[in-house]
């Protein structure tokens, strides 16, 4: 009788461990390469890309994990570990929005987008707002589908809190303030995953 009870107890223990392991693994996505990671991020259901549509202008704010940052020999090995990155993409009719402006407006917007965006963007968490550590305009010279801005925030300055509100103040396109909401828990899941950057 004791042996039967021991077998039953062992079976229950093993079953419990298996279920727990399955639940843990299901909460943390895994990727074999950068292509799989990019596909996961671009799927709106995963909460890592947020969008706004104002008239013809489409705005996306996309989380950019450190695994997708391009490194070069002059960058420190720990580059990206202490920062959180996003990419702001602006388009109209699936083309760069800036190229569709008249020249005087274009010049003004480019100046702002290149040198002043760190003053116009905030991340708010648990009631505390911070500005980006840096904003980097990514010129695509009219051949891209959107104008892009790489935005970095220092992790140490972000107050603990699951809900992040990123605001991009109106800067001349007539969109008004753009608001993007992220769940930091989804970002932290991706942040802990290791992939081989040499694999596409």
C-alpha atoms as a PDB file:
ATOM      1  CA  UNK A   1       0.000   0.000   0.000  1.00  0.00           C
ATOM      2  CA  UNK A   2       2.883   2.314   0.885  1.00  0.00           C
ATOM      3  CA  UNK A   3       4.580   1.669  -2.473  1.00  0.00           C
ATOM      4  CA  UNK A   4       1.390   2.578  -4.366  1.00  0.00           C
ATOM      5  CA  UNK A   5       1.051   5.792  -2.364  1.00  0.00           C
ATOM      6  CA  UNK A   6       4.694   6.658  -3.037  1.00  0.00           C
ATOM      7  CA  UNK A   7       4.215   6.112  -6.781  1.00  0.00           C
ATOM      8  CA  UNK A   8       1.106   8.306  -6.747  1.00  0.00           C
ATOM      9  CA  UNK A   9       2.933  11.047  -4.818  1.00  0.00           C
ATOM     10  CA  UNK A  10       5.901  10.938  -7.202  1.00  0.00           C
ATOM     11  CA  UNK A  11       3.561  11.109 -10.196  1.00  0.00           C
ATOM     12  CA  UNK A  12       1.779  14.147  -8.754  1.00  0.00           C
ATOM     13  CA  UNK A  13       5.138  15.831  -8.023  1.00  0.00           C
ATOM     14  CA  UNK A  14       6.467  15.214 -11.543  1.00  0.00           C
ATOM     15  CA  UNK A  15       3.195  16.389 -13.094  1.00  0.00           C
ATOM     16  CA  UNK A  16       3.271  19.551 -10.992  1.00  0.00           C
ATOM     17  CA  UNK A  17       6.864  20.322 -11.988  1.00  0.00           C
ATOM     18  CA  UNK A  18       6.064  19.734 -15.663  1.00  0.00           C
ATOM     19  CA  UNK A  19       3.066  22.081 -15.564  1.00  0.00           C
ATOM     20  CA  UNK A  20       5.084  24.735 -13.724  1.00  0.00           C
ATOM     21  CA  UNK A  21       7.893  24.473 -16.253  1.00  0.00           C
ATOM     22  CA  UNK A  22       5.456  24.778 -19.141  1.00  0.00           C
ATOM     23  CA  UNK A  23       3.858  27.856 -17.607  1.00  0.00           C
ATOM     24  CA  UNK A  24       7.221  29.517 -17.036  1.00  0.00           C
ATOM     25  CA  UNK A  25       8.449  28.803 -20.550  1.00  0.00           C
ATOM     26  CA  UNK A  26       5.174  30.015 -22.061  1.00  0.00           C
ATOM     27  CA  UNK A  27       5.563  33.376 -20.311  1.00  0.00           C
ATOM     28  CA  UNK A  28       9.004  33.999 -21.800  1.00  0.00           C
ATOM     29  CA  UNK A  29       9.248  33.932 -25.604  1.00  0.00           C
ATOM     30  CA  UNK A  30      12.354  32.445 -27.211  1.00  0.00           C
ATOM     31  CA  UNK A  31      14.035  33.257 -30.512  1.00  0.00           C
ATOM     32  CA  UNK A  32      16.653  31.495 -32.592  1.00  0.00           C
ATOM     33  CA  UNK A  33      17.741  34.568 -34.532  1.00  0.00           C
ATOM     34  CA  UNK A  34      17.164  38.273 -35.147  1.00  0.00           C
ATOM     35  CA  UNK A  35      14.535  37.653 -37.823  1.00  0.00           C
ATOM     36  CA  UNK A  36      12.275  35.838 -35.347  1.00  0.00           C
ATOM     37  CA  UNK A  37      12.784  38.592 -32.769  1.00  0.00           C
ATOM     38  CA  UNK A  38      11.913  41.317 -35.292  1.00  0.00           C
ATOM     39  CA  UNK A  39       8.737  39.467 -36.335  1.00  0.00           C
ATOM     40  CA  UNK A  40       7.680  39.158 -32.690  1.00  0.00           C
ATOM     41  CA  UNK A  41       8.234  42.859 -32.017  1.00  0.00           C
ATOM     42  CA  UNK A  42       6.382  43.955 -35.154  1.00  0.00           C
ATOM     43  CA  UNK A  43       3.306  41.904 -34.207  1.00  0.00           C
ATOM     44  CA  UNK A  44       1.002  44.493 -32.623  1.00  0.00           C
ATOM     45  CA  UNK A  45      -0.589  41.804 -30.424  1.00  0.00           C
ATOM     46  CA  UNK A  46       2.636  41.591 -28.395  1.00  0.00           C
ATOM     47  CA  UNK A  47       2.413  45.225 -27.270  1.00  0.00           C
ATOM     48  CA  UNK A  48       5.897  46.285 -28.374  1.00  0.00           C
ATOM     49  CA  UNK A  49       4.702  48.593 -31.148  1.00  0.00           C
ATOM     50  CA  UNK A  50       2.106  51.299 -30.543  1.00  0.00           C
ATOM     51  CA  UNK A  51       0.471  53.359 -33.289  1.00  0.00           C
ATOM     52  CA  UNK A  52      -1.410  56.614 -33.826  1.00  0.00           C
ATOM     53  CA  UNK A  53      -3.218  57.726 -36.988  1.00  0.00           C
ATOM     54  CA  UNK A  54      -3.906  61.447 -37.396  1.00  0.00           C
ATOM     55  CA  UNK A  55      -5.340  62.277 -40.798  1.00  0.00           C
ATOM     56  CA  UNK A  56      -2.880  61.006 -43.397  1.00  0.00           C
ATOM     57  CA  UNK A  57      -0.016  60.806 -40.908  1.00  0.00           C
ATOM     58  CA  UNK A  58       0.759  57.431 -39.353  1.00  0.00           C
ATOM     59  CA  UNK A  59       3.021  57.288 -36.290  1.00  0.00           C
ATOM     60  CA  UNK A  60       4.553  54.142 -34.804  1.00  0.00           C
ATOM     61  CA  UNK A  61       6.659  53.885 -31.673  1.00  0.00           C
ATOM     62  CA  UNK A  62       8.523  50.577 -31.644  1.00  0.00           C
ATOM     63  CA  UNK A  63      10.595  49.062 -28.849  1.00  0.00           C
ATOM     64  CA  UNK A  64      14.143  48.357 -30.080  1.00  0.00           C
ATOM     65  CA  UNK A  65      15.848  45.725 -27.902  1.00  0.00           C
ATOM     66  CA  UNK A  66      19.585  45.827 -27.351  1.00  0.00           C
ATOM     67  CA  UNK A  67      19.882  42.554 -29.299  1.00  0.00           C
ATOM     68  CA  UNK A  68      19.020  44.479 -32.489  1.00  0.00           C
ATOM     69  CA  UNK A  69      21.373  47.396 -31.951  1.00  0.00           C
ATOM     70  CA  UNK A  70      24.228  47.519 -34.406  1.00  0.00           C
ATOM     71  CA  UNK A  71      27.560  47.410 -32.607  1.00  0.00           C
ATOM     72  CA  UNK A  72      30.919  48.536 -33.924  1.00  0.00           C
ATOM     73  CA  UNK A  73      34.477  48.202 -32.647  1.00  0.00           C
ATOM     74  CA  UNK A  74      34.410  51.691 -31.110  1.00  0.00           C
ATOM     75  CA  UNK A  75      31.404  50.949 -28.894  1.00  0.00           C
ATOM     76  CA  UNK A  76      31.761  49.528 -25.412  1.00  0.00           C
ATOM     77  CA  UNK A  77      30.794  45.884 -24.961  1.00  0.00           C
ATOM     78  CA  UNK A  78      28.094  46.860 -22.470  1.00  0.00           C
ATOM     79  CA  UNK A  79      26.533  49.380 -24.853  1.00  0.00           C
ATOM     80  CA  UNK A  80      22.739  49.224 -24.605  1.00  0.00           C
ATOM     81  CA  UNK A  81      22.564  47.419 -21.279  1.00  0.00           C
ATOM     82  CA  UNK A  82      21.871  50.565 -19.278  1.00  0.00           C
ATOM     83  CA  UNK A  83      19.426  52.082 -21.774  1.00  0.00           C
ATOM     84  CA  UNK A  84      15.979  51.447 -23.249  1.00  0.00           C
ATOM     85  CA  UNK A  85      15.547  52.200 -26.953  1.00  0.00           C
ATOM     86  CA  UNK A  86      12.542  53.039 -29.107  1.00  0.00           C
ATOM     87  CA  UNK A  87      12.179  54.021 -32.755  1.00  0.00           C
ATOM     88  CA  UNK A  88       9.636  56.668 -33.755  1.00  0.00           C
ATOM     89  CA  UNK A  89       8.445  56.201 -37.345  1.00  0.00           C
ATOM     90  CA  UNK A  90       6.418  58.832 -39.200  1.00  0.00           C
ATOM     91  CA  UNK A  91       4.832  58.279 -42.588  1.00  0.00           C
ATOM     92  CA  UNK A  92       2.020  59.480 -44.830  1.00  0.00           C
ATOM     93  CA  UNK A  93       0.570  57.293 -47.567  1.00  0.00           C
ATOM     94  CA  UNK A  94       3.362  54.764 -46.858  1.00  0.00           C
ATOM     95  CA  UNK A  95       6.060  57.338 -47.692  1.00  0.00           C
ATOM     96  CA  UNK A  96       8.349  59.574 -45.666  1.00  0.00           C
ATOM     97  CA  UNK A  97       6.165  62.352 -44.316  1.00  0.00           C
ATOM     98  CA  UNK A  98       8.896  65.012 -44.404  1.00  0.00           C
ATOM     99  CA  UNK A  99       9.406  64.646 -48.157  1.00  0.00           C
ATOM    100  CA  UNK A 100       5.777  65.600 -48.679  1.00  0.00           C
ATOM    101  CA  UNK A 101       6.173  69.018 -47.011  1.00  0.00           C
ATOM    102  CA  UNK A 102       6.915  72.260 -48.841  1.00  0.00           C
ATOM    103  CA  UNK A 103      10.561  73.350 -48.686  1.00  0.00           C
ATOM    104  CA  UNK A 104      10.272  75.958 -45.935  1.00  0.00           C
ATOM    105  CA  UNK A 105       8.326  73.572 -43.704  1.00  0.00           C
ATOM    106  CA  UNK A 106      10.678  70.717 -44.547  1.00  0.00           C
ATOM    107  CA  UNK A 107      13.738  72.707 -43.456  1.00  0.00           C
ATOM    108  CA  UNK A 108      12.120  73.699 -40.160  1.00  0.00           C
ATOM    109  CA  UNK A 109      10.975  70.159 -39.349  1.00  0.00           C
ATOM    110  CA  UNK A 110      14.372  68.636 -40.168  1.00  0.00           C
ATOM    111  CA  UNK A 111      16.071  71.085 -37.802  1.00  0.00           C
ATOM    112  CA  UNK A 112      13.673  70.183 -35.010  1.00  0.00           C
ATOM    113  CA  UNK A 113      13.815  66.431 -35.682  1.00  0.00           C
ATOM    114  CA  UNK A 114      17.615  66.505 -35.777  1.00  0.00           C
ATOM    115  CA  UNK A 115      18.403  68.681 -32.758  1.00  0.00           C
ATOM    116  CA  UNK A 116      15.418  69.347 -30.477  1.00  0.00           C
ATOM    117  CA  UNK A 117      13.438  66.143 -30.030  1.00  0.00           C
ATOM    118  CA  UNK A 118      15.005  65.305 -26.670  1.00  0.00           C
ATOM    119  CA  UNK A 119      13.233  68.422 -25.336  1.00  0.00           C
ATOM    120  CA  UNK A 120       9.875  67.359 -26.809  1.00  0.00           C
ATOM    121  CA  UNK A 121       9.695  63.724 -25.709  1.00  0.00           C
ATOM    122  CA  UNK A 122       8.984  62.383 -22.211  1.00  0.00           C
ATOM    123  CA  UNK A 123       8.558  58.973 -20.627  1.00  0.00           C
ATOM    124  CA  UNK A 124       6.275  58.948 -17.580  1.00  0.00           C
ATOM    125  CA  UNK A 125       6.180  56.072 -15.085  1.00  0.00           C
ATOM    126  CA  UNK A 126       4.582  56.154 -11.609  1.00  0.00           C
ATOM    127  CA  UNK A 127       4.062  59.902 -11.930  1.00  0.00           C
ATOM    128  CA  UNK A 128       7.701  60.740 -12.734  1.00  0.00           C
ATOM    129  CA  UNK A 129       8.603  62.078 -16.187  1.00  0.00           C
ATOM    130  CA  UNK A 130      12.030  61.999 -17.800  1.00  0.00           C
ATOM    131  CA  UNK A 131      13.459  63.184 -21.107  1.00  0.00           C
ATOM    132  CA  UNK A 132      15.477  60.933 -23.410  1.00  0.00           C
ATOM    133  CA  UNK A 133      19.211  60.532 -22.958  1.00  0.00           C
ATOM    134  CA  UNK A 134      19.516  60.960 -26.701  1.00  0.00           C
ATOM    135  CA  UNK A 135      17.529  61.252 -29.944  1.00  0.00           C
ATOM    136  CA  UNK A 136      19.135  60.299 -33.245  1.00  0.00           C
ATOM    137  CA  UNK A 137      17.573  61.135 -36.599  1.00  0.00           C
ATOM    138  CA  UNK A 138      18.049  58.296 -39.086  1.00  0.00           C
ATOM    139  CA  UNK A 139      18.153  59.897 -42.575  1.00  0.00           C
ATOM    140  CA  UNK A 140      16.738  57.697 -45.336  1.00  0.00           C
ATOM    141  CA  UNK A 141      17.106  60.304 -48.112  1.00  0.00           C
ATOM    142  CA  UNK A 142      13.625  59.858 -49.528  1.00  0.00           C
ATOM    143  CA  UNK A 143      13.919  56.132 -50.246  1.00  0.00           C
ATOM    144  CA  UNK A 144      12.328  54.849 -47.034  1.00  0.00           C
ATOM    145  CA  UNK A 145       8.708  54.280 -46.099  1.00  0.00           C
ATOM    146  CA  UNK A 146       8.970  56.472 -42.978  1.00  0.00           C
ATOM    147  CA  UNK A 147      11.116  59.057 -41.237  1.00  0.00           C
ATOM    148  CA  UNK A 148      12.804  57.467 -38.231  1.00  0.00           C
ATOM    149  CA  UNK A 149      14.116  58.713 -34.891  1.00  0.00           C
ATOM    150  CA  UNK A 150      16.051  56.451 -32.503  1.00  0.00           C
ATOM    151  CA  UNK A 151      15.256  57.402 -28.885  1.00  0.00           C
ATOM    152  CA  UNK A 152      17.178  56.240 -25.805  1.00  0.00           C
ATOM    153  CA  UNK A 153      16.234  56.497 -22.118  1.00  0.00           C
ATOM    154  CA  UNK A 154      18.519  55.660 -19.211  1.00  0.00           C
ATOM    155  CA  UNK A 155      17.121  52.725 -17.239  1.00  0.00           C
ATOM    156  CA  UNK A 156      18.288  54.111 -13.911  1.00  0.00           C
ATOM    157  CA  UNK A 157      16.115  57.217 -14.376  1.00  0.00           C
ATOM    158  CA  UNK A 158      12.891  55.289 -15.052  1.00  0.00           C
ATOM    159  CA  UNK A 159      10.738  54.918 -11.941  1.00  0.00           C
ATOM    160  CA  UNK A 160       9.532  51.387 -11.239  1.00  0.00           C
ATOM    161  CA  UNK A 161       6.074  50.905 -12.670  1.00  0.00           C
ATOM    162  CA  UNK A 162       4.443  48.626 -15.213  1.00  0.00           C
ATOM    163  CA  UNK A 163       2.775  51.340 -17.272  1.00  0.00           C
ATOM    164  CA  UNK A 164       4.921  53.690 -19.336  1.00  0.00           C
ATOM    165  CA  UNK A 165       3.461  56.670 -21.179  1.00  0.00           C
ATOM    166  CA  UNK A 166       5.685  58.131 -23.871  1.00  0.00           C
ATOM    167  CA  UNK A 167       4.592  61.539 -25.135  1.00  0.00           C
ATOM    168  CA  UNK A 168       5.879  63.216 -28.283  1.00  0.00           C
ATOM    169  CA  UNK A 169       4.870  66.858 -28.155  1.00  0.00           C
ATOM    170  CA  UNK A 170       3.549  68.563 -31.283  1.00  0.00           C
ATOM    171  CA  UNK A 171       6.581  69.720 -33.291  1.00  0.00           C
ATOM    172  CA  UNK A 172       5.128  71.168 -36.462  1.00  0.00           C
ATOM    173  CA  UNK A 173       3.276  68.421 -38.334  1.00  0.00           C
ATOM    174  CA  UNK A 174      -0.142  69.401 -36.968  1.00  0.00           C
ATOM    175  CA  UNK A 175      -0.709  66.029 -35.295  1.00  0.00           C
ATOM    176  CA  UNK A 176      -0.999  67.386 -31.774  1.00  0.00           C
ATOM    177  CA  UNK A 177       0.769  65.465 -29.001  1.00  0.00           C
ATOM    178  CA  UNK A 178       1.335  61.783 -29.767  1.00  0.00           C
ATOM    179  CA  UNK A 179       0.760  59.350 -26.875  1.00  0.00           C
ATOM    180  CA  UNK A 180       2.102  55.797 -26.719  1.00  0.00           C
ATOM    181  CA  UNK A 181       1.510  53.378 -23.839  1.00  0.00           C
ATOM    182  CA  UNK A 182       3.691  50.369 -23.056  1.00  0.00           C
ATOM    183  CA  UNK A 183       3.649  47.620 -20.446  1.00  0.00           C
ATOM    184  CA  UNK A 184       7.211  47.472 -19.085  1.00  0.00           C
ATOM    185  CA  UNK A 185       6.791  43.782 -18.199  1.00  0.00           C
ATOM    186  CA  UNK A 186       6.618  42.927 -21.912  1.00  0.00           C
ATOM    187  CA  UNK A 187       9.810  44.882 -22.527  1.00  0.00           C
ATOM    188  CA  UNK A 188      11.609  43.196 -19.624  1.00  0.00           C
ATOM    189  CA  UNK A 189      10.788  39.757 -21.060  1.00  0.00           C
ATOM    190  CA  UNK A 190      12.583  40.596 -24.294  1.00  0.00           C
ATOM    191  CA  UNK A 191      15.426  42.378 -22.510  1.00  0.00           C
ATOM    192  CA  UNK A 192      16.496  39.142 -20.761  1.00  0.00           C
ATOM    193  CA  UNK A 193      16.584  36.950 -23.864  1.00  0.00           C
ATOM    194  CA  UNK A 194      19.915  36.091 -25.460  1.00  0.00           C
ATOM    195  CA  UNK A 195      20.194  35.455 -29.189  1.00  0.00           C
ATOM    196  CA  UNK A 196      23.152  34.987 -31.502  1.00  0.00           C
ATOM    197  CA  UNK A 197      23.588  38.336 -33.276  1.00  0.00           C
ATOM    198  CA  UNK A 198      25.560  36.601 -36.019  1.00  0.00           C
ATOM    199  CA  UNK A 199      22.435  34.732 -37.137  1.00  0.00           C
ATOM    200  CA  UNK A 200      19.818  36.385 -39.301  1.00  0.00           C
END
